[in-house]
Amino acid sequence: PLLNRGDVLYTAASMRDLQRVIPGIIAEFEVLAEKTQRQIQELLPANKAGLEYTQANRNYQRKLLPTGTDLYDNDFMVIADTVVVVSTGQTPYALCIQDKSVAASLVSLFKLLWPNQ
């Protein structure tokens, strides 16, 4: 399987348009996260959508990006050796990259922010 029970999921999300482009995605994601008991580390912008999302009682590790930093219309997640990039712009699309080196590069950024994990 792509994700084993207990694996860490790393994600950075703009949150602004994700729910609009993929209705119900947040609720489905939370159910899956609970079912697989995965640890989740999230980077979120300090915009209205990001702040509203962080106010919910989710048992994830999250950090807000500095005010004014935006992820625009892009979200990404790293699951094991796979990177998924989702564009929620005018023409939404998703891109899946299965490459251990690319995934490790992105994970290294999270490890800088969560050094003891």
C-alpha atoms as a PDB file:
ATOM      1  CA  PRO A   1       0.000   0.000   0.000  1.00  0.00           C
ATOM      2  CA  LEU A   2       1.009   3.614  -0.539  1.00  0.00           C
ATOM      3  CA  LEU A   3       0.630   4.448   3.134  1.00  0.00           C
ATOM      4  CA  ASN A   4       1.170   2.052   5.985  1.00  0.00           C
ATOM      5  CA  ARG A   5      -0.442   2.374   9.394  1.00  0.00           C
ATOM      6  CA  GLY A   6       1.488   4.902  11.472  1.00  0.00           C
ATOM      7  CA  ASP A   7       3.394   6.503   8.565  1.00  0.00           C
ATOM      8  CA  VAL A   8       3.920  10.262   8.675  1.00  0.00           C
ATOM      9  CA  LEU A   9       2.051  12.390   6.154  1.00  0.00           C
ATOM     10  CA  TYR A  10       3.612  15.761   5.373  1.00  0.00           C
ATOM     11  CA  THR A  11       1.430  18.404   3.797  1.00  0.00           C
ATOM     12  CA  ALA A  12       1.412  22.080   2.876  1.00  0.00           C
ATOM     13  CA  ALA A  13      -1.937  23.481   1.841  1.00  0.00           C
ATOM     14  CA  SER A  14      -3.263  26.864   0.803  1.00  0.00           C
ATOM     15  CA  MET A  15      -6.691  25.814   2.142  1.00  0.00           C
ATOM     16  CA  ARG A  16      -8.303  28.728   0.324  1.00  0.00           C
ATOM     17  CA  ASP A  17      -9.666  26.857  -2.670  1.00  0.00           C
ATOM     18  CA  LEU A  18      -9.116  23.204  -1.805  1.00  0.00           C
ATOM     19  CA  GLN A  19     -12.601  22.654  -0.369  1.00  0.00           C
ATOM     20  CA  ARG A  20     -14.189  24.524  -3.285  1.00  0.00           C
ATOM     21  CA  VAL A  21     -12.390  22.487  -5.942  1.00  0.00           C
ATOM     22  CA  ILE A  22     -12.693  19.130  -4.163  1.00  0.00           C
ATOM     23  CA  PRO A  23     -15.852  19.287  -2.013  1.00  0.00           C
ATOM     24  CA  GLY A  24     -15.685  17.094   1.070  1.00  0.00           C
ATOM     25  CA  ILE A  25     -11.933  16.494   0.792  1.00  0.00           C
ATOM     26  CA  ILE A  26     -11.142  17.712   4.305  1.00  0.00           C
ATOM     27  CA  ALA A  27     -13.754  15.482   5.951  1.00  0.00           C
ATOM     28  CA  GLU A  28     -12.645  12.448   3.922  1.00  0.00           C
ATOM     29  CA  PHE A  29      -9.015  13.147   4.739  1.00  0.00           C
ATOM     30  CA  GLU A  30      -9.759  13.281   8.468  1.00  0.00           C
ATOM     31  CA  VAL A  31     -11.602   9.953   8.403  1.00  0.00           C
ATOM     32  CA  LEU A  32      -8.725   8.305   6.533  1.00  0.00           C
ATOM     33  CA  ALA A  33      -6.147   9.829   8.886  1.00  0.00           C
ATOM     34  CA  GLU A  34      -7.994   8.490  11.925  1.00  0.00           C
ATOM     35  CA  LYS A  35      -8.496   5.062  10.381  1.00  0.00           C
ATOM     36  CA  THR A  36      -4.813   4.627   9.515  1.00  0.00           C
ATOM     37  CA  GLN A  37      -3.534   6.260  12.718  1.00  0.00           C
ATOM     38  CA  ARG A  38      -1.120   8.365  10.769  1.00  0.00           C
ATOM     39  CA  GLN A  39       0.902  11.225  12.136  1.00  0.00           C
ATOM     40  CA  ILE A  40       0.322  14.434  10.169  1.00  0.00           C
ATOM     41  CA  GLN A  41       2.534  17.489   9.951  1.00  0.00           C
ATOM     42  CA  GLU A  42       0.990  20.465   8.169  1.00  0.00           C
ATOM     43  CA  LEU A  43       2.265  23.816   6.971  1.00  0.00           C
ATOM     44  CA  LEU A  44      -0.521  26.349   6.503  1.00  0.00           C
ATOM     45  CA  PRO A  45      -0.640  30.005   5.524  1.00  0.00           C
ATOM     46  CA  ALA A  46      -1.838  32.492   8.123  1.00  0.00           C
ATOM     47  CA  ASN A  47      -4.706  33.568   5.864  1.00  0.00           C
ATOM     48  CA  LYS A  48      -8.412  33.434   6.738  1.00  0.00           C
ATOM     49  CA  ALA A  49      -8.903  29.873   5.455  1.00  0.00           C
ATOM     50  CA  GLY A  50      -5.742  28.577   7.145  1.00  0.00           C
ATOM     51  CA  LEU A  51      -6.643  30.167  10.482  1.00  0.00           C
ATOM     52  CA  GLU A  52     -10.207  28.828  10.373  1.00  0.00           C
ATOM     53  CA  TYR A  53      -8.870  25.364   9.629  1.00  0.00           C
ATOM     54  CA  THR A  54      -6.431  25.470  12.566  1.00  0.00           C
ATOM     55  CA  GLN A  55      -9.194  26.430  15.012  1.00  0.00           C
ATOM     56  CA  ALA A  56     -10.860  23.042  14.578  1.00  0.00           C
ATOM     57  CA  ASN A  57      -9.822  20.360  17.065  1.00  0.00           C
ATOM     58  CA  ARG A  58      -7.636  18.228  14.849  1.00  0.00           C
ATOM     59  CA  ASN A  59      -4.906  16.151  16.385  1.00  0.00           C
ATOM     60  CA  TYR A  60      -2.264  17.129  13.844  1.00  0.00           C
ATOM     61  CA  GLN A  61       1.050  18.895  14.233  1.00  0.00           C
ATOM     62  CA  ARG A  62       0.816  22.154  12.353  1.00  0.00           C
ATOM     63  CA  LYS A  63       2.727  25.335  11.887  1.00  0.00           C
ATOM     64  CA  LEU A  64       1.550  28.560  10.321  1.00  0.00           C
ATOM     65  CA  LEU A  65       3.736  30.207   7.729  1.00  0.00           C
ATOM     66  CA  PRO A  66       4.677  33.826   8.431  1.00  0.00           C
ATOM     67  CA  THR A  67       1.881  36.314   7.780  1.00  0.00           C
ATOM     68  CA  GLY A  68       1.920  37.349   4.143  1.00  0.00           C
ATOM     69  CA  THR A  69       3.412  34.055   2.967  1.00  0.00           C
ATOM     70  CA  ASP A  70       0.981  32.400   0.592  1.00  0.00           C
ATOM     71  CA  LEU A  71       0.968  29.000  -1.063  1.00  0.00           C
ATOM     72  CA  TYR A  72      -1.354  30.434  -3.699  1.00  0.00           C
ATOM     73  CA  ASP A  73      -3.402  27.798  -5.485  1.00  0.00           C
ATOM     74  CA  ASN A  74      -1.167  24.839  -4.733  1.00  0.00           C
ATOM     75  CA  ASP A  75      -1.131  22.098  -2.143  1.00  0.00           C
ATOM     76  CA  PHE A  76       1.276  19.235  -1.771  1.00  0.00           C
ATOM     77  CA  MET A  77       1.649  16.184   0.369  1.00  0.00           C
ATOM     78  CA  VAL A  78       4.413  13.669   0.817  1.00  0.00           C
ATOM     79  CA  ILE A  79       3.452  10.084   1.571  1.00  0.00           C
ATOM     80  CA  ALA A  80       6.392   7.686   1.870  1.00  0.00           C
ATOM     81  CA  ASP A  81       8.238   7.995  -1.490  1.00  0.00           C
ATOM     82  CA  THR A  82       5.406   9.806  -3.277  1.00  0.00           C
ATOM     83  CA  VAL A  83       4.717  13.515  -3.688  1.00  0.00           C
ATOM     84  CA  VAL A  84       1.233  14.633  -4.692  1.00  0.00           C
ATOM     85  CA  VAL A  85       0.848  18.196  -5.966  1.00  0.00           C
ATOM     86  CA  VAL A  86      -2.650  19.608  -6.368  1.00  0.00           C
ATOM     87  CA  SER A  87      -3.305  22.837  -8.235  1.00  0.00           C
ATOM     88  CA  THR A  88      -6.623  24.450  -7.376  1.00  0.00           C
ATOM     89  CA  GLY A  89      -6.252  27.262  -9.886  1.00  0.00           C
ATOM     90  CA  GLN A  90      -8.463  28.030 -12.861  1.00  0.00           C
ATOM     91  CA  THR A  91      -7.812  24.579 -14.360  1.00  0.00           C
ATOM     92  CA  PRO A  92      -7.428  22.203 -11.386  1.00  0.00           C
ATOM     93  CA  TYR A  93      -5.140  19.210 -11.724  1.00  0.00           C
ATOM     94  CA  ALA A  94      -3.083  16.822  -9.622  1.00  0.00           C
ATOM     95  CA  LEU A  95       0.389  15.500 -10.257  1.00  0.00           C
ATOM     96  CA  CYS A  96       1.821  12.394  -8.590  1.00  0.00           C
ATOM     97  CA  ILE A  97       5.602  12.000  -8.432  1.00  0.00           C
ATOM     98  CA  GLN A  98       6.905   8.659  -7.221  1.00  0.00           C
ATOM     99  CA  ASP A  99      10.555   9.409  -6.551  1.00  0.00           C
ATOM    100  CA  LYS A 100      12.367   8.719  -3.291  1.00  0.00           C
ATOM    101  CA  SER A 101      14.819  11.594  -3.791  1.00  0.00           C
ATOM    102  CA  VAL A 102      12.136  14.204  -4.524  1.00  0.00           C
ATOM    103  CA  ALA A 103      10.091  13.051  -1.515  1.00  0.00           C
ATOM    104  CA  ALA A 104      13.166  13.120   0.740  1.00  0.00           C
ATOM    105  CA  SER A 105      13.970  16.674  -0.367  1.00  0.00           C
ATOM    106  CA  LEU A 106      10.545  17.930   0.666  1.00  0.00           C
ATOM    107  CA  VAL A 107      10.529  15.926   3.906  1.00  0.00           C
ATOM    108  CA  SER A 108      13.838  17.569   4.857  1.00  0.00           C
ATOM    109  CA  LEU A 109      12.021  20.925   5.033  1.00  0.00           C
ATOM    110  CA  PHE A 110       9.540  19.504   7.518  1.00  0.00           C
ATOM    111  CA  LYS A 111      12.361  18.016   9.567  1.00  0.00           C
ATOM    112  CA  LEU A 112      13.843  21.502   9.906  1.00  0.00           C
ATOM    113  CA  LEU A 113      10.579  22.701  11.434  1.00  0.00           C
ATOM    114  CA  TRP A 114      10.021  19.603  13.567  1.00  0.00           C
ATOM    115  CA  PRO A 115      13.613  18.677  14.486  1.00  0.00           C
ATOM    116  CA  ASN A 116      12.798  16.161  17.231  1.00  0.00           C
ATOM    117  CA  GLN A 117      10.317  14.058  15.279  1.00  0.00           C
END
